[in-house]
Amino acid sequence: MRLSARNKIGATVTGITKGEATANVTLDANGTRLVASITVEAAEELGLTEGSQVVAIVKASDVILGIPD
């Protein structure tokens, strides 16, 4: 897989919670917990199960930071 995205993170699937249309896929990225929201159809097409090795590709147009009041 060759991509222009630079934010690629290797991870292991640790859990999948499927809703009606969206699946929340919990990942362990070398000790950091990430959650990806994808369609249930995509999760099934990828054959994701706990223990699957994946690459999380992060694409964000905005990053918002906050500080305590």
C-alpha atoms as a PDB file:
ATOM      1  CA  MET A   1       0.000   0.000   0.000  1.00  0.00           C
ATOM      2  CA  ARG A   2       1.481   3.339  -1.060  1.00  0.00           C
ATOM      3  CA  LEU A   3      -0.227   6.487   0.201  1.00  0.00           C
ATOM      4  CA  SER A   4       0.468  10.181   0.268  1.00  0.00           C
ATOM      5  CA  ALA A   5      -0.689  10.366   3.907  1.00  0.00           C
ATOM      6  CA  ARG A   6       2.192  10.690   6.349  1.00  0.00           C
ATOM      7  CA  ASN A   7       0.298   9.913   9.556  1.00  0.00           C
ATOM      8  CA  LYS A   8       0.362   6.103   9.360  1.00  0.00           C
ATOM      9  CA  ILE A   9       0.294   4.201  12.654  1.00  0.00           C
ATOM     10  CA  GLY A  10       0.669   0.440  12.961  1.00  0.00           C
ATOM     11  CA  ALA A  11      -1.808  -0.999  15.468  1.00  0.00           C
ATOM     12  CA  THR A  12      -3.611  -4.100  16.711  1.00  0.00           C
ATOM     13  CA  VAL A  13      -7.404  -4.316  16.916  1.00  0.00           C
ATOM     14  CA  THR A  14      -8.397  -4.839  20.555  1.00  0.00           C
ATOM     15  CA  GLY A  15     -12.161  -4.507  20.231  1.00  0.00           C
ATOM     16  CA  ILE A  16     -15.014  -3.847  17.824  1.00  0.00           C
ATOM     17  CA  THR A  17     -18.377  -2.387  18.797  1.00  0.00           C
ATOM     18  CA  LYS A  18     -20.877  -2.516  15.945  1.00  0.00           C
ATOM     19  CA  GLY A  19     -23.894  -0.264  15.798  1.00  0.00           C
ATOM     20  CA  GLU A  20     -26.535  -0.111  13.084  1.00  0.00           C
ATOM     21  CA  ALA A  21     -24.283   1.657  10.570  1.00  0.00           C
ATOM     22  CA  THR A  22     -21.022   2.512  12.370  1.00  0.00           C
ATOM     23  CA  ALA A  23     -18.401   0.294  13.978  1.00  0.00           C
ATOM     24  CA  ASN A  24     -16.048   1.697  16.612  1.00  0.00           C
ATOM     25  CA  VAL A  25     -12.775  -0.180  16.276  1.00  0.00           C
ATOM     26  CA  THR A  26     -10.495   0.089  19.307  1.00  0.00           C
ATOM     27  CA  LEU A  27      -6.778  -0.122  18.551  1.00  0.00           C
ATOM     28  CA  ASP A  28      -3.567  -0.564  20.524  1.00  0.00           C
ATOM     29  CA  ALA A  29      -0.837   1.466  18.860  1.00  0.00           C
ATOM     30  CA  ASN A  30       2.225   0.462  20.881  1.00  0.00           C
ATOM     31  CA  GLY A  31       0.477   1.197  24.177  1.00  0.00           C
ATOM     32  CA  THR A  32      -1.603   4.128  22.941  1.00  0.00           C
ATOM     33  CA  ARG A  33      -5.357   3.551  22.636  1.00  0.00           C
ATOM     34  CA  LEU A  34      -6.988   4.807  19.437  1.00  0.00           C
ATOM     35  CA  VAL A  35     -10.599   4.454  18.301  1.00  0.00           C
ATOM     36  CA  ALA A  36     -11.554   4.506  14.626  1.00  0.00           C
ATOM     37  CA  SER A  37     -15.189   4.988  13.588  1.00  0.00           C
ATOM     38  CA  ILE A  38     -15.820   3.236  10.280  1.00  0.00           C
ATOM     39  CA  THR A  39     -18.871   1.772   8.601  1.00  0.00           C
ATOM     40  CA  VAL A  40     -19.996  -1.697   9.618  1.00  0.00           C
ATOM     41  CA  GLU A  41     -19.759  -2.626   5.941  1.00  0.00           C
ATOM     42  CA  ALA A  42     -16.069  -1.585   5.837  1.00  0.00           C
ATOM     43  CA  ALA A  43     -15.271  -3.524   9.029  1.00  0.00           C
ATOM     44  CA  GLU A  44     -16.840  -6.639   7.535  1.00  0.00           C
ATOM     45  CA  GLU A  45     -15.169  -6.192   4.127  1.00  0.00           C
ATOM     46  CA  LEU A  46     -11.774  -5.863   5.857  1.00  0.00           C
ATOM     47  CA  GLY A  47     -12.488  -8.970   7.943  1.00  0.00           C
ATOM     48  CA  LEU A  48     -11.525  -7.160  11.144  1.00  0.00           C
ATOM     49  CA  THR A  49     -11.411  -9.201  14.337  1.00  0.00           C
ATOM     50  CA  GLU A  50      -9.677  -8.755  17.670  1.00  0.00           C
ATOM     51  CA  GLY A  51      -5.975  -9.296  17.075  1.00  0.00           C
ATOM     52  CA  SER A  52      -6.026  -8.077  13.449  1.00  0.00           C
ATOM     53  CA  GLN A  53      -2.944  -6.079  12.496  1.00  0.00           C
ATOM     54  CA  VAL A  54      -3.895  -2.806  10.802  1.00  0.00           C
ATOM     55  CA  VAL A  55      -2.460   0.521   9.759  1.00  0.00           C
ATOM     56  CA  ALA A  56      -4.381   3.547  11.070  1.00  0.00           C
ATOM     57  CA  ILE A  57      -4.143   6.409   8.604  1.00  0.00           C
ATOM     58  CA  VAL A  58      -4.985   9.765  10.154  1.00  0.00           C
ATOM     59  CA  LYS A  59      -6.348  12.522   7.947  1.00  0.00           C
ATOM     60  CA  ALA A  60      -7.621  15.610   9.736  1.00  0.00           C
ATOM     61  CA  SER A  61      -8.337  19.062   8.407  1.00  0.00           C
ATOM     62  CA  ASP A  62      -8.478  20.608  11.900  1.00  0.00           C
ATOM     63  CA  VAL A  63      -6.796  20.049  15.229  1.00  0.00           C
ATOM     64  CA  ILE A  64      -8.394  21.813  18.186  1.00  0.00           C
ATOM     65  CA  LEU A  65      -6.519  22.365  21.441  1.00  0.00           C
ATOM     66  CA  GLY A  66      -7.947  23.425  24.770  1.00  0.00           C
ATOM     67  CA  ILE A  67      -6.624  24.487  28.143  1.00  0.00           C
ATOM     68  CA  PRO A  68      -8.348  24.438  31.530  1.00  0.00           C
ATOM     69  CA  ASP A  69     -10.148  27.623  32.626  1.00  0.00           C
END
